[in-house]
Protein backbone atom coordinates (compact mmCIF):
# COMPACT_ATOMS: atom_id res chain seq x y z
CA MET A 1 -29.68 -64.32 4.49
CA LEU A 2 -29.36 -61.32 6.39
CA ALA A 3 -25.56 -61.36 7.13
CA ARG A 4 -24.64 -62.39 3.62
CA THR A 5 -26.51 -59.57 2.52
CA SER A 6 -24.66 -57.28 4.60
CA LEU A 7 -21.27 -58.97 3.56
CA THR A 8 -22.16 -58.48 0.27
CA ARG A 9 -22.80 -54.76 0.97
CA LEU A 10 -19.44 -53.85 2.82
CA ALA A 11 -17.39 -56.15 0.12
CA ALA A 12 -19.08 -53.72 -2.92
CA ASN A 13 -18.20 -50.69 -0.97
CA LYS A 14 -14.60 -49.36 -2.35
CA ALA A 15 -15.33 -45.93 -1.15
CA PRO A 16 -12.19 -44.69 1.07
CA LEU A 17 -12.41 -43.76 4.51
CA GLY A 18 -14.61 -40.46 4.83
CA ALA A 19 -15.89 -40.38 1.66
CA ALA A 20 -19.34 -38.58 1.46
CA PRO A 21 -22.00 -40.40 0.73
CA ALA A 22 -23.47 -41.42 -2.87
CA GLY A 23 -26.32 -38.89 -2.85
CA ALA A 24 -24.85 -36.12 -1.08
CA ARG A 25 -24.08 -33.00 -2.75
CA ASN A 26 -21.88 -30.08 -1.40
CA MET A 27 -20.01 -31.96 1.34
CA ALA A 28 -16.38 -32.00 1.48
CA THR A 29 -14.82 -35.51 1.97
CA LEU A 30 -12.21 -35.96 4.55
CA ARG A 31 -9.69 -36.01 1.64
CA GLU A 32 -10.75 -32.49 0.59
CA ILE A 33 -10.25 -31.23 3.69
CA GLU A 34 -6.60 -32.62 4.08
CA LEU A 35 -6.07 -31.03 0.85
CA ARG A 36 -7.18 -27.42 2.29
CA LEU A 37 -5.58 -28.13 5.46
CA LYS A 38 -1.52 -28.56 3.37
CA SER A 39 -2.42 -25.49 1.25
CA VAL A 40 -3.47 -23.23 4.42
CA ARG A 41 -0.47 -24.39 6.18
CA ASN A 42 1.82 -23.55 3.95
CA ILE A 43 0.12 -19.91 3.23
CA GLU A 44 1.28 -19.32 7.16
CA LYS A 45 4.71 -20.30 6.66
CA ILE A 46 4.86 -18.18 3.70
CA THR A 47 3.00 -15.02 5.41
CA LYS A 48 5.04 -15.74 8.52
CA SER A 49 8.58 -15.19 6.04
CA MET A 50 7.19 -12.22 5.01
CA LYS A 51 6.26 -10.88 7.93
CA MET A 52 9.69 -11.55 9.42
CA ILE A 53 11.26 -10.10 6.30
CA ALA A 54 9.45 -7.13 6.69
CA SER A 55 10.48 -6.46 10.39
CA THR A 56 14.06 -6.56 9.65
CA LYS A 57 13.37 -4.35 6.24
CA LEU A 58 11.38 -1.74 8.86
CA ALA A 59 14.37 -1.40 10.65
CA LYS A 60 16.52 -0.11 8.38
CA ALA A 61 14.03 1.90 6.52
CA GLN A 62 13.37 3.90 9.84
CA ARG A 63 17.06 4.41 10.47
CA ALA A 64 17.20 5.87 6.33
CA MET A 65 13.81 8.06 7.15
CA GLN A 66 15.54 9.39 10.11
CA ALA A 67 18.43 10.30 7.76
CA GLY A 68 15.55 11.84 4.94
CA LYS A 69 13.90 14.00 7.17
CA GLU A 70 16.98 15.80 7.84
CA TYR A 71 16.95 16.99 4.27
CA GLY A 72 13.27 17.82 4.36
CA ILE A 73 14.45 20.01 7.86
CA ALA A 74 17.08 21.91 5.78
CA ASN A 75 14.38 22.60 2.87
CA ALA A 76 11.93 23.64 5.79
CA GLU A 77 14.74 26.50 6.87
CA VAL A 78 15.19 27.73 3.33
CA PHE A 79 10.93 28.01 2.46
CA LYS A 80 11.15 30.00 6.11
CA VAL A 81 13.18 32.82 4.17
CA ALA A 82 11.35 32.17 0.81
CA GLN A 83 8.00 32.68 2.02
CA THR A 84 5.53 34.92 0.33
CA ASP A 85 2.11 35.29 0.18
CA LYS A 86 1.56 35.35 -3.58
CA PRO A 87 -0.16 31.70 -4.14
CA ALA A 88 1.30 29.85 -6.78
CA PRO A 89 -1.65 29.64 -9.67
CA ARG A 90 -0.46 26.49 -11.32
CA LYS A 91 0.33 23.24 -9.24
CA LEU A 92 1.97 20.18 -10.32
CA PHE A 93 0.89 17.44 -8.46
CA VAL A 94 3.65 14.31 -7.35
CA VAL A 95 2.06 11.23 -6.08
CA VAL A 96 4.70 8.80 -3.91
CA SER A 97 4.13 5.37 -3.63
CA SER A 98 5.82 2.20 -5.02
CA ASP A 99 5.37 -0.79 -7.50
CA LYS A 100 4.94 -3.62 -4.50
CA GLY A 101 1.50 -4.90 -3.40
CA LEU A 102 0.59 -6.90 -0.14
CA CYS A 103 0.82 -3.65 1.98
CA GLY A 104 -2.66 -2.91 3.21
CA GLY A 105 -4.00 0.51 2.06
CA ILE A 106 -0.67 2.08 0.96
CA HIS A 107 -1.57 3.09 -2.30
CA SER A 108 -4.96 3.77 -2.22
CA SER A 109 -4.28 6.51 1.11
CA VAL A 110 -2.34 8.94 -1.62
CA SER A 111 -4.53 8.22 -4.36
CA LYS A 112 -7.17 9.44 -2.56
CA ALA A 113 -5.54 12.14 -0.92
CA THR A 114 -4.60 13.08 -4.64
CA ARG A 115 -7.91 13.43 -5.32
CA ARG A 116 -8.67 15.41 -2.42
CA ALA A 117 -6.30 17.67 -2.98
CA ILE A 118 -6.85 18.67 -6.31
CA ALA A 119 -10.38 19.24 -5.87
CA ASN A 120 -11.99 22.46 -6.59
CA SER A 121 -13.15 23.16 -3.11
CA PRO A 122 -11.73 26.13 -0.79
CA GLU A 123 -12.62 24.19 2.12
CA SER A 124 -10.20 21.06 1.23
CA PRO A 125 -7.40 20.44 3.79
CA PHE A 126 -5.27 19.75 0.77
CA ALA A 127 -6.19 22.70 -1.15
CA VAL A 128 -3.61 25.46 0.13
CA ALA A 129 -0.05 24.22 1.81
CA GLU A 130 1.29 27.41 3.10
CA SER A 131 4.95 26.17 3.69
CA SER A 132 6.79 23.13 2.50
CA ASN A 133 6.83 21.35 5.95
CA LYS A 134 2.93 21.36 6.78
CA THR A 135 1.05 18.39 6.21
CA ALA A 136 -2.79 17.70 6.56
CA ALA A 137 -4.62 14.42 7.25
CA PRO A 138 -7.58 13.79 4.98
CA ALA A 139 -10.58 15.21 6.54
CA THR A 140 -13.40 15.19 3.42
CA PRO A 141 -14.92 12.65 1.96
CA SER A 142 -12.90 10.29 -0.62
CA ASN A 143 -16.04 10.33 -2.90
CA THR A 144 -15.01 13.44 -4.60
CA PRO A 145 -17.33 13.71 -7.59
CA ALA A 146 -15.52 13.86 -11.01
CA THR A 147 -16.98 17.61 -11.64
CA GLU A 148 -15.10 19.24 -8.88
CA ILE A 149 -11.64 17.97 -10.21
CA ASP A 150 -9.31 20.90 -11.92
CA ALA A 151 -8.50 18.91 -15.29
CA ASP A 152 -5.77 21.48 -15.71
CA SER A 153 -3.78 20.22 -12.68
CA PRO A 154 -0.96 18.26 -13.92
CA ILE A 155 -0.22 14.51 -12.21
CA MET A 156 2.96 12.87 -11.83
CA VAL A 157 3.09 9.38 -10.20
CA ILE A 158 6.25 7.59 -8.51
CA GLY A 159 5.06 3.46 -8.49
CA ASP A 160 2.98 1.78 -10.54
CA LYS A 161 0.04 0.59 -7.75
CA SER A 162 -0.86 4.29 -7.93
CA LYS A 163 -0.90 4.99 -11.07
CA ALA A 164 -3.11 1.88 -12.21
CA GLN A 165 -5.35 3.81 -9.60
CA LEU A 166 -5.05 7.08 -10.89
CA GLN A 167 -5.26 6.08 -14.07
CA ARG A 168 -9.19 5.41 -13.73
CA ALA A 169 -10.13 8.62 -12.47
CA LEU A 170 -7.90 11.03 -13.24
CA GLY A 171 -6.50 9.69 -16.32
CA GLN A 172 -6.32 12.72 -18.65
CA ASN A 173 -4.21 14.39 -15.98
CA LEU A 174 -1.44 12.20 -15.56
CA VAL A 175 1.62 13.47 -17.76
CA LEU A 176 4.53 11.23 -16.23
CA THR A 177 4.98 7.99 -14.47
CA PHE A 178 7.74 6.61 -12.38
CA ASN A 179 8.84 2.65 -11.45
CA GLN A 180 11.54 0.76 -10.29
CA ILE A 181 12.37 3.79 -7.88
CA GLY A 182 13.45 3.00 -4.67
CA ARG A 183 13.27 -0.84 -4.79
CA ASP A 184 15.39 -1.42 -1.82
CA ILE A 185 15.95 1.89 0.42
CA PRO A 186 15.61 5.03 -1.62
CA THR A 187 18.81 7.01 -2.10
CA PHE A 188 19.23 10.67 -2.77
CA ALA A 189 20.46 9.37 -6.39
CA ASP A 190 16.93 8.11 -6.95
CA ALA A 191 15.75 11.57 -5.57
CA ALA A 192 17.51 13.42 -8.04
CA GLY A 193 16.88 11.14 -11.06
CA VAL A 194 13.24 12.30 -10.61
CA ALA A 195 13.52 15.69 -10.07
CA ASP A 196 15.79 16.07 -13.33
CA LEU A 197 13.30 14.13 -15.00
CA ILE A 198 10.53 16.45 -13.89
CA VAL A 199 12.44 19.71 -14.67
CA LYS A 200 13.10 18.41 -17.86
CA SER A 201 9.42 17.40 -18.63
CA GLY A 202 8.41 20.74 -20.11
CA VAL A 203 5.27 21.04 -17.86
CA LYS A 204 4.66 24.29 -16.53
CA TYR A 205 4.25 24.84 -12.95
CA ASP A 206 4.76 27.30 -10.54
CA SER A 207 4.89 24.84 -7.29
CA VAL A 208 5.05 21.15 -6.57
CA VAL A 209 2.97 19.55 -4.20
CA LEU A 210 4.06 16.10 -2.99
CA VAL A 211 1.29 13.95 -2.07
CA TYR A 212 3.07 10.92 -0.18
CA ASN A 213 2.34 8.67 3.21
CA LYS A 214 3.72 10.49 6.54
CA PHE A 215 4.31 7.87 8.80
CA VAL A 216 3.07 7.78 12.53
CA SER A 217 4.07 5.19 14.50
CA ALA A 218 5.07 1.30 13.72
CA ILE A 219 1.16 0.70 12.81
CA SER A 220 -0.36 3.65 11.88
CA TYR A 221 0.23 5.97 8.81
CA GLU A 222 -1.70 9.23 7.04
CA ALA A 223 -1.26 10.89 3.83
CA ALA A 224 0.22 13.88 4.03
CA VAL A 225 1.35 16.85 1.47
CA ASN A 226 4.03 19.21 1.03
CA GLU A 227 4.36 22.24 -1.13
CA ILE A 228 7.81 23.24 -2.85
CA LYS A 229 8.20 26.68 -4.23
CA GLY A 230 9.08 26.88 -7.76
CA GLU A 231 11.92 29.02 -9.29
CA GLU A 232 9.94 32.23 -9.88
CA ALA A 233 8.12 31.83 -6.30
CA LEU A 234 11.87 32.00 -5.01
CA LYS A 235 12.44 35.04 -6.85
CA GLU A 236 9.53 37.01 -5.45
CA SER A 237 9.95 36.16 -2.07
CA ASP A 238 11.11 39.15 -0.07
CA GLY A 239 13.80 37.26 1.92
CA PHE A 240 15.88 36.38 -0.99
CA LYS A 241 14.96 39.87 -2.89
CA ALA A 242 17.28 41.11 -0.19
CA TYR A 243 20.31 39.97 -1.57
CA GLU A 244 22.10 40.06 -4.45
CA MET A 245 22.58 36.78 -6.54
CA GLU A 246 23.40 35.25 -9.57
CA ASP A 247 20.32 34.61 -12.42
CA ASP A 248 21.08 30.68 -11.97
CA PHE A 249 20.88 30.95 -8.28
CA THR A 250 17.07 29.95 -7.82
CA LYS A 251 16.86 28.17 -10.65
CA ASP A 252 19.63 25.49 -8.72
CA LEU A 253 18.15 26.05 -5.65
CA ALA A 254 14.94 24.87 -6.50
CA GLU A 255 15.77 22.08 -8.50
CA PHE A 256 17.89 21.07 -5.37
CA SER A 257 15.11 21.74 -2.75
CA LEU A 258 12.54 19.61 -4.89
CA ALA A 259 15.21 16.40 -4.90
CA ASN A 260 15.50 17.41 -0.84
CA ALA A 261 11.92 16.70 -0.77
CA ILE A 262 11.15 14.44 -2.87
CA TYR A 263 14.18 12.13 -0.88
CA ALA A 264 12.70 12.92 2.44
CA ALA A 265 9.16 11.75 1.21
CA LEU A 266 10.90 8.72 -0.51
CA THR A 267 12.24 7.27 2.74
CA GLU A 268 9.16 8.04 4.78
CA GLY A 269 6.83 6.40 2.46
CA HIS A 270 9.25 3.33 2.05
CA ALA A 271 8.90 3.02 6.01
CA CYS A 272 5.23 3.18 5.71
CA GLU A 273 5.16 0.48 3.47
CA GLN A 274 7.14 -1.71 5.02
CA SER A 275 4.88 -1.26 8.44
CA ALA A 276 2.21 -1.77 6.38
CA ARG A 277 3.35 -4.89 4.51
CA ARG A 278 4.60 -6.45 8.14
CA ASN A 279 1.39 -5.71 10.11
CA ALA A 280 -0.80 -7.08 6.66
CA MET A 281 1.20 -10.16 6.82
CA ASP A 282 0.79 -10.48 10.60
CA ASN A 283 -3.10 -10.27 9.71
CA ALA A 284 -2.60 -12.97 7.20
CA SER A 285 -0.85 -15.26 9.46
CA LYS A 286 -3.35 -15.08 12.41
CA ASN A 287 -6.11 -15.28 10.09
CA ALA A 288 -4.46 -18.49 8.55
CA THR A 289 -4.57 -19.80 12.20
CA ASP A 290 -7.48 -19.35 12.90
CA MET A 291 -8.59 -21.07 9.48
CA ILE A 292 -6.32 -23.98 10.07
CA SER A 293 -7.69 -24.76 13.56
CA SER A 294 -11.53 -24.60 12.16
CA LEU A 295 -10.59 -26.85 9.36
CA GLN A 296 -9.20 -29.31 11.84
CA MET A 297 -11.90 -29.64 14.05
CA GLN A 298 -13.95 -30.15 11.07
CA TYR A 299 -11.27 -32.79 9.42
CA ASN A 300 -12.06 -34.44 13.16
CA ARG A 301 -15.22 -34.78 13.24
CA GLY A 302 -15.75 -35.90 9.63
CA ARG A 303 -13.14 -38.74 10.70
CA GLN A 304 -14.91 -40.08 13.92
CA ALA A 305 -17.75 -39.52 12.29
CA ALA A 306 -16.62 -41.99 9.13
CA ILE A 307 -15.06 -44.44 11.81
CA THR A 308 -18.17 -44.31 13.60
CA ASN A 309 -20.07 -45.50 10.25
CA GLU A 310 -17.57 -48.44 9.60
CA LEU A 311 -17.81 -49.81 12.92
CA VAL A 312 -22.02 -49.72 13.02
CA ASP A 313 -21.86 -51.82 9.73
CA ILE A 314 -19.55 -54.15 11.08
CA ILE A 315 -21.27 -54.81 14.08
CA THR A 316 -24.15 -54.87 12.35
CA GLY A 317 -22.86 -57.98 10.05
CA ALA A 318 -21.72 -59.91 13.07
CA SER A 319 -24.52 -59.58 14.91
CA ALA A 320 -26.71 -60.99 11.99
CA LEU A 321 -24.06 -63.76 11.98
């Protein structure tokens, strides 16, 4: 009688191997774990591929960055001659980022630095930039109160990612945004186009403050600023007053130096982006590998438990016979 009952129960149990008990809740079956394993393995393949692509692009970006820095060095030499003690009363902030994500905190870094840069506090390291080639690392807290923000400071943003972040905090300050700039390696033509649109935008400014990511090494970066003197500042500088020049000379020089500085910032920011993307994909691949190991162990334990239960039922039925 006992044997018939055991055999009848085994025949009625149509559940697949590894299925959760009928009364179990929130218990992953072997089939669900297997599907998660397959999904995580696919994600690991994608992140490893993206890491390899970013590593290749980083080498090209570093070469372009070295070429772009030459433009910045030329600008620094020009502004040594055009140095003046008169501060620029109205500054235009140009934020350099990109349209792509999956690269860590690259975009939030320049967004926070922009909020600090236009904060109305004299102790801010970004408040005053004395030369075109000086950079400063963020040292003040990022949660600047809204009451300390200068509402008259116009902001232009290169890249959709930082635009979306600054739109929430400083939406009233945004006057112009750019996208599709530097989708591959930035060129001087891209920088010249941005500089031309800035000049033709009609926004009044005495100097342009570039906020961008400074390339420190292949694994680190920091936010930096670079102030570019305007046409009036060049005219008033003692170095240019000593020479007899045409009226349009300072205007053309101001536009060309702005394009140079934007090109240097674009190339350096692009190198930082590729470096951060490679590091982000490397971390994602390592996390996927750890998750695969954990899920594989959970799957093996569940499979062994299911097989043990089936063997217990068969042995019990055989013993009853």
